[in-house]
Amino acid sequence: QVQLVESGGGLVQPGESLRLSCAASGSISSINTMRWYRQAPGKQRELVAYITSNGSTNSAVAVRGRFTISRDNAKNMVYLQMNSLKSEDTAVYYCNAEIERYGSTGYSSYWGQGTQVTVSS
């Protein structure tokens, strides 16, 4: 069993900050790239940011300079620090990770259930 569980979402006003967390648990041998996606109502799911196993990061233009992705390999967690939030950041945010399970070779993609972020005045 491998699970990803997001937390930290909520309702905030424009300009405020949130930090999202995603915890991976289960029979995990290793975790490769971890990603944050988001999906706004009526829109396609989009990649927000990713971080590789050695810490290389990239983020979408829309959030660059405002959001920071990080990870704690010892805890199997990935975070998304969201600053200067805008109304257009409103979406369900999903954690995704490439995970190799114990007893298997190669990585599979796993998804969390998502956490709602609402930015409104």
C-alpha atoms as a PDB file:
ATOM      1  CA  GLN A   1       0.000   0.000   0.000  1.00  0.00           C
ATOM      2  CA  VAL A   2       1.320   3.384  -1.028  1.00  0.00           C
ATOM      3  CA  GLN A   3      -0.573   6.551  -0.275  1.00  0.00           C
ATOM      4  CA  LEU A   4      -0.086  10.263  -0.752  1.00  0.00           C
ATOM      5  CA  VAL A   5      -2.044  12.567   1.529  1.00  0.00           C
ATOM      6  CA  GLU A   6      -2.154  16.329   1.079  1.00  0.00           C
ATOM      7  CA  SER A   7      -2.883  18.833   3.797  1.00  0.00           C
ATOM      8  CA  GLY A   8      -2.691  22.547   4.431  1.00  0.00           C
ATOM      9  CA  GLY A   9      -5.331  23.904   2.105  1.00  0.00           C
ATOM     10  CA  GLY A  10      -7.919  26.413   3.152  1.00  0.00           C
ATOM     11  CA  LEU A  11      -9.540  29.765   2.558  1.00  0.00           C
ATOM     12  CA  VAL A  12      -7.264  32.796   2.475  1.00  0.00           C
ATOM     13  CA  GLN A  13      -7.379  36.352   1.232  1.00  0.00           C
ATOM     14  CA  PRO A  14      -5.300  37.636  -1.684  1.00  0.00           C
ATOM     15  CA  GLY A  15      -1.728  38.319  -0.659  1.00  0.00           C
ATOM     16  CA  GLU A  16      -1.716  35.769   2.118  1.00  0.00           C
ATOM     17  CA  SER A  17       0.289  32.566   2.306  1.00  0.00           C
ATOM     18  CA  LEU A  18      -0.292  28.871   2.718  1.00  0.00           C
ATOM     19  CA  ARG A  19       1.976  25.895   2.953  1.00  0.00           C
ATOM     20  CA  LEU A  20       0.783  22.623   1.528  1.00  0.00           C
ATOM     21  CA  SER A  21       2.208  19.329   2.683  1.00  0.00           C
ATOM     22  CA  CYS A  22       2.115  15.914   1.104  1.00  0.00           C
ATOM     23  CA  ALA A  23       3.089  12.805   2.993  1.00  0.00           C
ATOM     24  CA  ALA A  24       3.918   9.567   1.228  1.00  0.00           C
ATOM     25  CA  SER A  25       3.496   6.393   3.208  1.00  0.00           C
ATOM     26  CA  GLY A  26       3.480   2.670   2.717  1.00  0.00           C
ATOM     27  CA  SER A  27       5.899   0.160   1.266  1.00  0.00           C
ATOM     28  CA  ILE A  28       8.220   2.706  -0.258  1.00  0.00           C
ATOM     29  CA  SER A  29      11.686   1.849  -1.447  1.00  0.00           C
ATOM     30  CA  SER A  30      12.480   5.190  -3.035  1.00  0.00           C
ATOM     31  CA  ILE A  31      10.817   8.296  -4.386  1.00  0.00           C
ATOM     32  CA  ASN A  32      11.945   9.965  -7.554  1.00  0.00           C
ATOM     33  CA  THR A  33      10.352  13.174  -8.784  1.00  0.00           C
ATOM     34  CA  MET A  34       7.584  14.727  -6.719  1.00  0.00           C
ATOM     35  CA  ARG A  35       5.128  17.184  -8.198  1.00  0.00           C
ATOM     36  CA  TRP A  36       2.326  19.511  -7.327  1.00  0.00           C
ATOM     37  CA  TYR A  37      -0.560  19.895  -9.740  1.00  0.00           C
ATOM     38  CA  ARG A  38      -3.677  21.969  -9.473  1.00  0.00           C
ATOM     39  CA  GLN A  39      -7.064  21.957 -11.090  1.00  0.00           C
ATOM     40  CA  ALA A  40      -9.418  24.904 -11.053  1.00  0.00           C
ATOM     41  CA  PRO A  41     -13.148  24.450 -11.661  1.00  0.00           C
ATOM     42  CA  GLY A  42     -13.850  23.872 -15.329  1.00  0.00           C
ATOM     43  CA  LYS A  43     -10.162  23.787 -16.237  1.00  0.00           C
ATOM     44  CA  GLN A  44      -7.586  21.144 -16.999  1.00  0.00           C
ATOM     45  CA  ARG A  45      -5.192  19.910 -14.386  1.00  0.00           C
ATOM     46  CA  GLU A  46      -1.885  21.725 -14.670  1.00  0.00           C
ATOM     47  CA  LEU A  47       1.590  21.168 -13.334  1.00  0.00           C
ATOM     48  CA  VAL A  48       2.525  23.721 -10.697  1.00  0.00           C
ATOM     49  CA  ALA A  49       6.015  22.640  -9.708  1.00  0.00           C
ATOM     50  CA  TYR A  50       8.252  19.625  -9.426  1.00  0.00           C
ATOM     51  CA  ILE A  51      11.322  18.576  -7.528  1.00  0.00           C
ATOM     52  CA  THR A  52      13.638  15.718  -8.398  1.00  0.00           C
ATOM     53  CA  SER A  53      15.221  13.275  -6.014  1.00  0.00           C
ATOM     54  CA  ASN A  54      18.391  15.355  -5.858  1.00  0.00           C
ATOM     55  CA  GLY A  55      16.581  18.621  -5.319  1.00  0.00           C
ATOM     56  CA  SER A  56      16.375  20.136  -8.771  1.00  0.00           C
ATOM     57  CA  THR A  57      13.205  22.209  -9.098  1.00  0.00           C
ATOM     58  CA  ASN A  58      11.076  23.931 -11.657  1.00  0.00           C
ATOM     59  CA  SER A  59       7.752  25.716 -11.510  1.00  0.00           C
ATOM     60  CA  ALA A  60       5.064  27.018 -13.781  1.00  0.00           C
ATOM     61  CA  VAL A  61       5.415  30.557 -15.029  1.00  0.00           C
ATOM     62  CA  ALA A  62       2.172  31.529 -13.321  1.00  0.00           C
ATOM     63  CA  VAL A  63       3.583  30.776  -9.875  1.00  0.00           C
ATOM     64  CA  ARG A  64       7.266  31.466 -10.387  1.00  0.00           C
ATOM     65  CA  GLY A  65       8.656  33.721  -7.698  1.00  0.00           C
ATOM     66  CA  ARG A  66       5.672  33.124  -5.430  1.00  0.00           C
ATOM     67  CA  PHE A  67       5.608  29.367  -4.850  1.00  0.00           C
ATOM     68  CA  THR A  68       8.471  27.217  -3.655  1.00  0.00           C
ATOM     69  CA  ILE A  69       8.554  23.445  -3.737  1.00  0.00           C
ATOM     70  CA  SER A  70      10.741  21.512  -1.326  1.00  0.00           C
ATOM     71  CA  ARG A  71      11.048  18.005   0.022  1.00  0.00           C
ATOM     72  CA  ASP A  72      12.230  16.109   3.037  1.00  0.00           C
ATOM     73  CA  ASN A  73      13.526  12.765   1.861  1.00  0.00           C
ATOM     74  CA  ALA A  74      13.882  11.391   5.375  1.00  0.00           C
ATOM     75  CA  LYS A  75      10.182  11.983   5.985  1.00  0.00           C
ATOM     76  CA  ASN A  76       8.965  11.158   2.479  1.00  0.00           C
ATOM     77  CA  MET A  77       7.300  14.529   2.277  1.00  0.00           C
ATOM     78  CA  VAL A  78       7.003  17.305  -0.246  1.00  0.00           C
ATOM     79  CA  TYR A  79       5.866  20.845   0.445  1.00  0.00           C
ATOM     80  CA  LEU A  80       4.564  23.777  -1.505  1.00  0.00           C
ATOM     81  CA  GLN A  81       5.056  27.173   0.074  1.00  0.00           C
ATOM     82  CA  MET A  82       2.550  29.514  -1.514  1.00  0.00           C
ATOM     83  CA  ASN A  83       3.103  33.227  -1.020  1.00  0.00           C
ATOM     84  CA  SER A  84       1.359  36.274  -2.407  1.00  0.00           C
ATOM     85  CA  LEU A  85      -1.666  34.213  -3.285  1.00  0.00           C
ATOM     86  CA  LYS A  86      -4.009  35.432  -5.980  1.00  0.00           C
ATOM     87  CA  SER A  87      -7.596  34.582  -6.743  1.00  0.00           C
ATOM     88  CA  GLU A  88      -6.438  32.725  -9.836  1.00  0.00           C
ATOM     89  CA  ASP A  89      -4.544  30.319  -7.586  1.00  0.00           C
ATOM     90  CA  THR A  90      -7.869  28.931  -6.407  1.00  0.00           C
ATOM     91  CA  ALA A  91      -7.898  25.239  -7.220  1.00  0.00           C
ATOM     92  CA  VAL A  92      -7.664  21.764  -5.836  1.00  0.00           C
ATOM     93  CA  TYR A  93      -3.987  21.013  -5.380  1.00  0.00           C
ATOM     94  CA  TYR A  94      -2.770  17.476  -5.934  1.00  0.00           C
ATOM     95  CA  CYS A  95       0.430  15.790  -4.924  1.00  0.00           C
ATOM     96  CA  ASN A  96       2.037  13.374  -7.357  1.00  0.00           C
ATOM     97  CA  ALA A  97       5.116  11.228  -6.945  1.00  0.00           C
ATOM     98  CA  GLU A  98       7.084   8.598  -8.786  1.00  0.00           C
ATOM     99  CA  ILE A  99       7.543   5.849  -6.241  1.00  0.00           C
ATOM    100  CA  GLU A 100       9.337   2.539  -6.293  1.00  0.00           C
ATOM    101  CA  ARG A 101       7.786  -0.003  -3.966  1.00  0.00           C
ATOM    102  CA  TYR A 102       9.660  -2.583  -1.970  1.00  0.00           C
ATOM    103  CA  GLY A 103       9.987  -5.749  -3.986  1.00  0.00           C
ATOM    104  CA  SER A 104       9.543  -4.050  -7.320  1.00  0.00           C
ATOM    105  CA  THR A 105      11.820  -2.558  -9.916  1.00  0.00           C
ATOM    106  CA  GLY A 106      10.971   0.730 -11.482  1.00  0.00           C
ATOM    107  CA  TYR A 107       8.758   3.638 -10.546  1.00  0.00           C
ATOM    108  CA  SER A 108       5.020   4.083 -10.696  1.00  0.00           C
ATOM    109  CA  SER A 109       3.054   7.300 -10.486  1.00  0.00           C
ATOM    110  CA  TYR A 110       0.869   7.929  -7.435  1.00  0.00           C
ATOM    111  CA  TRP A 111      -1.633  10.663  -6.680  1.00  0.00           C
ATOM    112  CA  GLY A 112      -3.101  12.152  -3.566  1.00  0.00           C
ATOM    113  CA  GLN A 113      -6.758  13.036  -3.201  1.00  0.00           C
ATOM    114  CA  GLY A 114      -6.153  16.759  -3.303  1.00  0.00           C
ATOM    115  CA  THR A 115      -6.585  19.695  -0.976  1.00  0.00           C
ATOM    116  CA  GLN A 116      -8.714  22.744  -1.694  1.00  0.00           C
ATOM    117  CA  VAL A 117      -7.115  26.166  -1.840  1.00  0.00           C
ATOM    118  CA  THR A 118      -9.489  29.093  -2.121  1.00  0.00           C
ATOM    119  CA  VAL A 119      -8.203  32.636  -2.452  1.00  0.00           C
ATOM    120  CA  SER A 120     -10.958  35.180  -2.090  1.00  0.00           C
ATOM    121  CA  SER A 121     -11.565  38.582  -0.592  1.00  0.00           C
END
